[in-house]
């Protein structure tokens, strides 16, 4: 199958980033996510797509690579060889050349991480595509954040970050999040208004609150659940306790599936993250849920589930983690397939994905990645505790 070429001159700044390096881009359609990368990250994507389908279901769709420079013919041939080295039926890497001054002409985003010094970029499916107003939570995994190649100074710096945050105790920390605040017809949550504004900022039109990396680092063992609660309970945007309970159940289910995959896989992923995304507009959320229920009934499937939580628990996570959630990035599907992908897009409620593989590798014979698994298990435990708290609140009301 053949993918349509990217027009590199049309790439624009990606505005939904909540953490990571500066310099991320998207295409005008919003289907693609383009970010600076290392050769190690490309190799991880290609190996995973060639040999580890269970893991690929939890990764962004890999489209290929591009470069921002004008390489020599030898460099171009080397890149082409690398990109085409691990093709499968679902992976068709393509290389595109960008003008060397293109990046400087792109307006920067709110999240200003250190820019990765490289000409290579990886092209992925955009995980925020398909949502009217995506709420995004980036959870950095692991107590140890450096790989074996890291110099002593970097190891010391990252160890200090881990020790001073929940990374050390829980194996994860909030690296950043972005939460829609509604269309202005509902009051802003008072607990957000009174927070330390040094850790928060709004986007250009004031409709999203962006929580920077220092917000996550300021949280403790006792307060980190409050940060996650702020992500999942947003009354000013119509995301009420019923929605939050449904999302908690669905995200917990997806993360448990991910843990099962990683427990049977030998990898090392240092400074990787798990990204949780859901539809942040309560009205759109409810409409997507309604359409999903109607389509289930039309297809003769059993839709006798107990309210919103039951419906997402049976339908939402499957679309989030089985790989179909990113099918929108494949431009070469037949008309019928495209229609199916559009249906998935319009009804998408949430997604659960691993991201950031600059320091990731497959390590046969060395066992599962307990560093990452510790963080995922801690997240699952906290989600369960939040469910109990919200259930208690609902019972009292």
Protein backbone atom coordinates (compact mmCIF):
# COMPACT_ATOMS: atom_id res chain seq x y z
CA UNK A 1 0.00 0.00 0.00
CA UNK A 2 1.19 3.54 -0.71
CA UNK A 3 0.93 6.49 1.62
CA UNK A 4 0.30 9.98 0.33
CA UNK A 5 3.37 12.17 0.49
CA UNK A 6 3.60 14.85 3.14
CA UNK A 7 3.92 18.41 1.87
CA UNK A 8 6.70 19.53 4.23
CA UNK A 9 6.09 23.23 3.66
CA UNK A 10 2.63 22.95 5.22
CA UNK A 11 3.78 21.57 8.59
CA UNK A 12 2.75 23.74 11.52
CA UNK A 13 3.53 23.93 15.22
CA UNK A 14 1.87 21.24 17.32
CA UNK A 15 -0.10 23.03 20.04
CA UNK A 16 -1.33 20.11 22.18
CA UNK A 17 2.05 19.08 23.62
CA UNK A 18 2.14 18.88 27.41
CA UNK A 19 5.75 17.74 27.90
CA UNK A 20 8.86 16.71 26.01
CA UNK A 21 11.23 18.45 23.63
CA UNK A 22 10.43 21.63 21.74
CA UNK A 23 10.10 21.57 17.95
CA UNK A 24 7.09 19.28 17.52
CA UNK A 25 5.00 19.76 14.37
CA UNK A 26 1.75 18.60 12.79
CA UNK A 27 0.19 18.63 9.34
CA UNK A 28 -2.81 20.91 8.63
CA UNK A 29 -5.26 18.00 8.92
CA UNK A 30 -4.06 17.26 12.45
CA UNK A 31 -3.64 13.57 11.66
CA UNK A 32 0.16 13.53 11.93
CA UNK A 33 2.56 14.31 14.76
CA UNK A 34 6.16 15.08 13.81
CA UNK A 35 8.86 15.30 16.46
CA UNK A 36 12.66 15.41 16.70
CA UNK A 37 14.04 11.97 17.43
CA UNK A 38 17.15 9.86 17.85
CA UNK A 39 18.21 6.88 15.77
CA UNK A 40 17.49 4.72 18.82
CA UNK A 41 13.85 5.81 18.86
CA UNK A 42 13.40 5.02 15.17
CA UNK A 43 15.00 1.62 15.71
CA UNK A 44 12.62 0.91 18.59
CA UNK A 45 9.56 1.77 16.50
CA UNK A 46 10.75 -0.35 13.58
CA UNK A 47 11.63 -3.36 15.73
CA UNK A 48 8.32 -3.16 17.57
CA UNK A 49 6.33 -2.96 14.34
CA UNK A 50 8.24 -5.88 12.86
CA UNK A 51 8.07 -8.25 15.82
CA UNK A 52 5.95 -7.07 18.78
CA UNK A 53 2.33 -6.51 17.76
CA UNK A 54 1.05 -6.61 21.35
CA UNK A 55 3.25 -3.65 22.23
CA UNK A 56 2.47 -1.80 18.99
CA UNK A 57 -1.19 -1.69 20.06
CA UNK A 58 -0.09 0.65 22.86
CA UNK A 59 2.19 2.83 20.71
CA UNK A 60 1.42 5.70 18.31
CA UNK A 61 1.20 4.61 14.68
CA UNK A 62 4.65 4.81 13.09
CA UNK A 63 4.59 6.45 9.63
CA UNK A 64 8.29 6.90 8.95
CA UNK A 65 10.93 9.63 9.16
CA UNK A 66 11.80 12.99 7.67
CA UNK A 67 14.71 15.40 7.97
CA UNK A 68 14.88 19.19 8.32
CA UNK A 69 18.21 19.45 6.52
CA UNK A 70 19.34 18.93 2.96
CA UNK A 71 21.34 15.70 3.19
CA UNK A 72 23.93 14.40 0.81
CA UNK A 73 22.98 11.58 -1.52
CA UNK A 74 24.82 9.10 0.72
CA UNK A 75 22.92 10.32 3.80
CA UNK A 76 19.63 10.10 1.94
CA UNK A 77 20.33 6.52 0.89
CA UNK A 78 21.28 5.60 4.46
CA UNK A 79 18.05 7.09 5.82
CA UNK A 80 15.98 5.33 3.19
CA UNK A 81 17.65 2.02 4.00
CA UNK A 82 17.03 2.54 7.71
CA UNK A 83 13.39 3.53 7.27
CA UNK A 84 12.61 0.64 4.95
CA UNK A 85 14.45 -1.97 6.99
CA UNK A 86 11.50 -3.24 9.02
CA UNK A 87 8.37 -2.82 6.95
CA UNK A 88 5.19 -4.73 7.68
CA UNK A 89 1.76 -4.65 6.09
CA UNK A 90 0.89 -1.79 8.44
CA UNK A 91 4.12 0.19 8.35
CA UNK A 92 5.27 2.03 5.26
CA UNK A 93 7.98 4.52 6.24
CA UNK A 94 8.47 7.54 4.02
CA UNK A 95 11.22 10.17 4.06
CA UNK A 96 10.55 13.81 3.23
CA UNK A 97 13.01 16.69 2.94
CA UNK A 98 12.20 19.98 4.65
CA UNK A 99 13.86 23.32 3.94
CA UNK A 100 16.59 23.87 6.50
CA UNK A 101 14.96 27.11 7.66
CA UNK A 102 11.47 25.67 8.01
CA UNK A 103 11.66 24.97 11.74
CA UNK A 104 12.67 28.53 12.55
CA UNK A 105 9.57 29.83 10.78
CA UNK A 106 7.19 27.75 12.87
CA UNK A 107 5.62 29.42 15.89
CA UNK A 108 6.57 27.71 19.16
CA UNK A 109 4.15 26.07 21.55
CA UNK A 110 3.51 26.63 25.25
CA UNK A 111 5.64 23.72 26.42
CA UNK A 112 9.26 24.70 26.00
CA UNK A 113 11.47 21.73 26.70
CA UNK A 114 15.07 21.67 25.60
CA UNK A 115 15.22 21.24 21.84
CA UNK A 116 16.77 17.99 20.67
CA UNK A 117 19.74 18.77 18.45
CA UNK A 118 19.03 16.59 15.43
CA UNK A 119 17.85 16.81 11.84
CA UNK A 120 15.90 13.57 12.10
CA UNK A 121 12.19 13.57 12.88
CA UNK A 122 9.78 10.70 13.35
CA UNK A 123 6.30 10.90 11.81
CA UNK A 124 3.55 9.41 13.97
CA UNK A 125 -0.21 9.30 14.16
CA UNK A 126 -1.49 12.22 16.23
CA UNK A 127 -2.96 10.86 19.46
CA UNK A 128 -5.09 13.97 20.01
CA UNK A 129 -6.78 13.62 16.61
CA UNK A 130 -10.45 12.69 16.70
CA UNK A 131 -11.28 14.67 19.84
CA UNK A 132 -13.16 17.97 19.86
CA UNK A 133 -11.26 19.16 22.94
CA UNK A 134 -8.67 16.58 24.02
CA UNK A 135 -7.65 16.51 27.66
CA UNK A 136 -4.11 15.11 27.83
CA UNK A 137 -2.10 13.74 30.76
CA UNK A 138 1.58 12.79 30.38
CA UNK A 139 2.84 10.47 33.14
CA UNK A 140 6.62 9.99 33.15
CA UNK A 141 7.43 6.40 34.08
CA UNK A 142 10.22 4.98 36.21
CA UNK A 143 12.20 5.81 39.32
CA UNK A 144 15.39 5.54 37.31
CA UNK A 145 15.24 7.96 34.39
CA UNK A 146 18.60 7.46 32.67
CA UNK A 147 19.97 4.73 30.42
CA UNK A 148 23.40 3.14 30.45
CA UNK A 149 24.83 5.66 27.97
CA UNK A 150 24.04 8.69 30.13
CA UNK A 151 27.09 10.59 31.44
CA UNK A 152 27.61 10.92 35.18
CA UNK A 153 26.36 14.51 35.31
CA UNK A 154 23.08 13.61 33.62
CA UNK A 155 22.61 10.62 35.90
CA UNK A 156 23.08 12.81 38.96
CA UNK A 157 20.66 15.45 37.66
CA UNK A 158 17.93 12.94 36.83
CA UNK A 159 18.43 11.11 40.12
CA UNK A 160 17.88 14.43 41.90
CA UNK A 161 14.67 15.03 39.94
CA UNK A 162 13.46 11.55 40.82
CA UNK A 163 14.33 11.89 44.50
CA UNK A 164 12.55 15.25 44.78
CA UNK A 165 9.33 14.03 43.13
CA UNK A 166 6.96 11.08 43.13
CA UNK A 167 9.19 9.36 40.56
CA UNK A 168 11.29 7.94 43.39
CA UNK A 169 8.47 6.66 45.60
CA UNK A 170 5.77 5.79 43.06
CA UNK A 171 7.75 5.16 39.90
CA UNK A 172 5.94 7.93 38.02
CA UNK A 173 5.25 11.64 38.10
CA UNK A 174 2.98 14.01 36.22
CA UNK A 175 5.14 15.48 33.45
CA UNK A 176 2.40 17.79 32.19
CA UNK A 177 -1.27 18.00 31.41
CA UNK A 178 -3.71 20.04 29.38
CA UNK A 179 -7.34 20.38 30.49
CA UNK A 180 -10.18 22.08 28.63
CA UNK A 181 -12.06 24.60 30.76
CA UNK A 182 -15.24 24.82 28.72
CA UNK A 183 -16.76 27.49 26.53
CA UNK A 184 -17.07 30.03 29.33
CA UNK A 185 -20.66 29.24 30.28
CA UNK A 186 -19.63 27.38 33.45
CA UNK A 187 -17.62 28.73 36.41
CA UNK A 188 -13.95 27.79 36.71
CA UNK A 189 -13.23 25.30 39.46
CA UNK A 190 -12.30 27.18 42.62
CA UNK A 191 -9.64 24.65 43.61
CA UNK A 192 -7.84 25.38 40.35
CA UNK A 193 -8.22 29.15 40.73
CA UNK A 194 -6.47 29.08 44.09
CA UNK A 195 -3.55 26.92 42.94
CA UNK A 196 0.00 28.17 42.53
CA UNK A 197 -0.32 29.94 39.18
CA UNK A 198 3.42 29.57 38.56
CA UNK A 199 2.65 25.99 37.58
CA UNK A 200 -0.30 26.84 35.34
CA UNK A 201 -0.93 28.84 32.22
CA UNK A 202 -3.75 29.15 29.73
CA UNK A 203 -3.52 28.72 26.00
CA UNK A 204 -4.05 31.54 23.49
CA UNK A 205 -7.83 31.72 23.82
CA UNK A 206 -7.94 30.82 27.51
CA UNK A 207 -9.97 27.65 26.98
CA UNK A 208 -7.28 25.20 28.14
CA UNK A 209 -5.27 25.14 31.35
CA UNK A 210 -1.74 23.86 30.76
CA UNK A 211 0.03 22.36 33.78
CA UNK A 212 3.81 22.52 33.31
CA UNK A 213 6.47 20.08 34.47
CA UNK A 214 6.99 21.94 37.74
CA UNK A 215 3.39 21.23 38.69
CA UNK A 216 4.09 17.51 38.66
CA UNK A 217 7.38 17.92 40.48
CA UNK A 218 5.63 19.89 43.23
CA UNK A 219 3.25 17.05 44.01
CA UNK A 220 3.94 14.57 46.79
CA UNK A 221 2.91 11.05 47.69
CA UNK A 222 -0.13 12.58 49.42
CA UNK A 223 -1.13 15.10 46.74
CA UNK A 224 -0.43 13.43 43.39
CA UNK A 225 -3.92 11.94 43.31
CA UNK A 226 -5.32 15.48 43.49
CA UNK A 227 -3.49 16.33 40.28
CA UNK A 228 -4.96 13.31 38.51
CA UNK A 229 -8.40 14.17 39.89
CA UNK A 230 -8.10 17.66 38.36
CA UNK A 231 -7.47 15.97 35.03
CA UNK A 232 -10.54 13.72 35.24
CA UNK A 233 -13.11 15.91 37.01
CA UNK A 234 -13.76 19.22 35.23
CA UNK A 235 -17.31 20.48 36.00
CA UNK A 236 -16.73 23.77 34.18
CA UNK A 237 -16.37 21.77 30.94
CA UNK A 238 -19.26 19.43 31.70
CA UNK A 239 -17.06 16.53 32.87
CA UNK A 240 -18.95 15.49 35.99
CA UNK A 241 -18.45 12.72 38.54
CA UNK A 242 -20.28 10.20 36.34
CA UNK A 243 -17.84 10.90 33.50
CA UNK A 244 -14.84 10.78 35.84
CA UNK A 245 -15.89 7.42 37.28
CA UNK A 246 -16.33 5.99 33.79
CA UNK A 247 -12.95 7.31 32.69
CA UNK A 248 -11.23 6.00 35.81
CA UNK A 249 -12.60 2.52 35.16
CA UNK A 250 -11.67 2.61 31.47
CA UNK A 251 -8.16 3.97 32.00
CA UNK A 252 -7.54 1.43 34.76
CA UNK A 253 -8.63 -1.36 32.43
CA UNK A 254 -6.36 -0.11 29.64
CA UNK A 255 -3.38 0.22 31.95
CA UNK A 256 -3.95 -3.27 33.33
CA UNK A 257 -3.86 -4.58 29.76
CA UNK A 258 -0.61 -2.69 29.19
CA UNK A 259 0.91 -4.17 32.34
CA UNK A 260 0.00 -7.65 31.12
CA UNK A 261 1.82 -6.98 27.85
CA UNK A 262 4.95 -5.59 29.49
CA UNK A 263 5.12 -8.38 32.07
CA UNK A 264 5.64 -10.77 29.17
CA UNK A 265 8.11 -8.63 27.26
CA UNK A 266 11.80 -7.86 27.78
CA UNK A 267 12.35 -4.15 27.27
CA UNK A 268 14.00 -1.18 28.94
CA UNK A 269 12.28 2.18 28.53
CA UNK A 270 13.99 5.00 30.40
CA UNK A 271 12.08 8.32 30.60
CA UNK A 272 9.18 6.91 28.58
CA UNK A 273 5.66 8.09 29.39
CA UNK A 274 2.14 6.77 29.29
CA UNK A 275 -0.24 9.26 27.71
CA UNK A 276 -3.91 9.35 28.74
CA UNK A 277 -6.25 11.29 26.44
CA UNK A 278 -10.02 11.70 26.60
CA UNK A 279 -12.78 13.88 25.17
CA UNK A 280 -12.80 16.94 27.43
CA UNK A 281 -16.06 18.48 26.24
CA UNK A 282 -18.86 17.01 28.34
CA UNK A 283 -21.52 17.64 25.70
CA UNK A 284 -19.45 16.05 22.95
CA UNK A 285 -18.54 13.19 25.30
CA UNK A 286 -22.22 12.45 25.91
CA UNK A 287 -23.03 12.67 22.20
CA UNK A 288 -20.24 10.24 21.31
CA UNK A 289 -21.48 7.88 23.98
CA UNK A 290 -25.03 8.10 22.64
CA UNK A 291 -23.92 7.37 19.07
CA UNK A 292 -21.85 4.42 20.23
CA UNK A 293 -24.83 2.93 22.05
CA UNK A 294 -27.10 3.41 19.02
CA UNK A 295 -24.57 1.79 16.69
CA UNK A 296 -24.13 -1.14 19.07
CA UNK A 297 -27.88 -1.71 19.02
CA UNK A 298 -28.07 -1.37 15.22
CA UNK A 299 -25.31 -3.95 14.86
CA UNK A 300 -27.17 -6.37 17.09
CA UNK A 301 -24.58 -6.25 19.84
CA UNK A 302 -25.49 -6.51 23.50
CA UNK A 303 -25.59 -2.95 24.81
CA UNK A 304 -27.25 -3.79 28.11
CA UNK A 305 -24.58 -2.12 30.18
CA UNK A 306 -24.96 -0.25 33.42
CA UNK A 307 -24.83 3.42 32.46
CA UNK A 308 -21.92 5.44 31.18
CA UNK A 309 -19.25 3.60 33.16
CA UNK A 310 -20.31 0.22 31.86
CA UNK A 311 -20.44 1.40 28.28
CA UNK A 312 -16.95 2.84 28.28
CA UNK A 313 -15.66 -0.16 30.14
CA UNK A 314 -16.84 -2.49 27.38
CA UNK A 315 -16.28 -0.27 24.35
CA UNK A 316 -13.97 2.64 25.05
CA UNK A 317 -10.74 0.95 26.00
CA UNK A 318 -10.84 -1.56 23.17
CA UNK A 319 -10.78 1.26 20.65
CA UNK A 320 -8.09 2.98 22.65
CA UNK A 321 -5.49 0.26 22.79
CA UNK A 322 -6.02 -2.28 20.03
CA UNK A 323 -4.31 -0.19 17.39
CA UNK A 324 -7.46 0.83 15.54
CA UNK A 325 -7.55 4.15 17.31
CA UNK A 326 -4.76 5.47 15.10
CA UNK A 327 -5.99 4.05 11.79
CA UNK A 328 -6.90 7.61 10.80
CA UNK A 329 -3.27 8.15 9.86
CA UNK A 330 -3.40 5.68 6.97
CA UNK A 331 -4.38 7.62 3.87
CA UNK A 332 -4.48 4.68 1.51
CA UNK A 333 -7.47 2.72 2.80
CA UNK A 334 -10.35 1.81 0.50
CA UNK A 335 -13.52 3.87 0.79
CA UNK A 336 -15.24 1.37 3.07
CA UNK A 337 -12.25 1.28 5.39
CA UNK A 338 -12.06 5.05 5.45
CA UNK A 339 -15.69 5.16 6.47
CA UNK A 340 -14.96 2.79 9.34
CA UNK A 341 -12.03 4.92 10.44
CA UNK A 342 -14.17 8.05 10.37
CA UNK A 343 -16.75 6.29 12.55
CA UNK A 344 -14.02 5.40 15.03
CA UNK A 345 -12.82 9.01 15.02
CA UNK A 346 -16.19 10.57 15.64
CA UNK A 347 -16.98 8.22 18.53
CA UNK A 348 -13.56 8.16 20.16
CA UNK A 349 -13.76 8.81 23.90
CA UNK A 350 -10.26 8.01 25.15
CA UNK A 351 -6.89 6.50 24.37
CA UNK A 352 -4.01 4.96 26.34
CA UNK A 353 -0.55 4.94 24.73
CA UNK A 354 3.12 4.61 25.60
CA UNK A 355 5.25 7.42 24.14
CA UNK A 356 8.84 8.71 24.09
CA UNK A 357 11.26 5.93 23.20
CA UNK A 358 14.51 7.87 22.82
CA UNK A 359 16.04 5.65 25.51
CA UNK A 360 14.16 2.42 24.84
CA UNK A 361 15.41 -0.94 23.65
CA UNK A 362 14.56 -4.62 23.52
CA UNK A 363 16.73 -6.70 25.86
CA UNK A 364 16.22 -10.45 25.28
CA UNK A 365 17.14 -12.52 28.30
CA UNK A 366 17.02 -9.65 30.83
CA UNK A 367 13.41 -9.94 31.95
CA UNK A 368 10.54 -7.44 32.14
CA UNK A 369 11.05 -3.73 32.76
CA UNK A 370 10.20 -3.51 36.47
CA UNK A 371 11.21 0.16 36.51
CA UNK A 372 8.31 1.01 34.18
CA UNK A 373 5.96 -1.60 35.63
CA UNK A 374 6.34 -0.12 39.11
CA UNK A 375 5.07 3.22 37.82
CA UNK A 376 2.15 1.69 35.94
CA UNK A 377 1.07 -0.33 38.97
CA UNK A 378 1.20 2.79 41.13
CA UNK A 379 -0.99 4.67 38.64
CA UNK A 380 -3.49 1.81 38.59
CA UNK A 381 -3.63 1.82 42.40
CA UNK A 382 -4.26 5.57 42.53
CA UNK A 383 -6.99 5.34 39.89
CA UNK A 384 -8.69 2.69 42.02
CA UNK A 385 -8.46 4.90 45.10
CA UNK A 386 -9.95 7.83 43.20
CA UNK A 387 -12.83 5.62 42.09
CA UNK A 388 -13.55 4.76 45.72
CA UNK A 389 -13.44 8.43 46.72
CA UNK A 390 -15.78 9.54 43.94
CA UNK A 391 -18.12 6.62 44.59
CA UNK A 392 -18.31 7.74 48.22
CA UNK A 393 -19.05 11.31 47.13
CA UNK A 394 -21.84 10.09 44.85
CA UNK A 395 -23.32 7.93 47.63
CA UNK A 396 -23.32 10.89 50.05
CA UNK A 397 -25.12 13.04 47.51
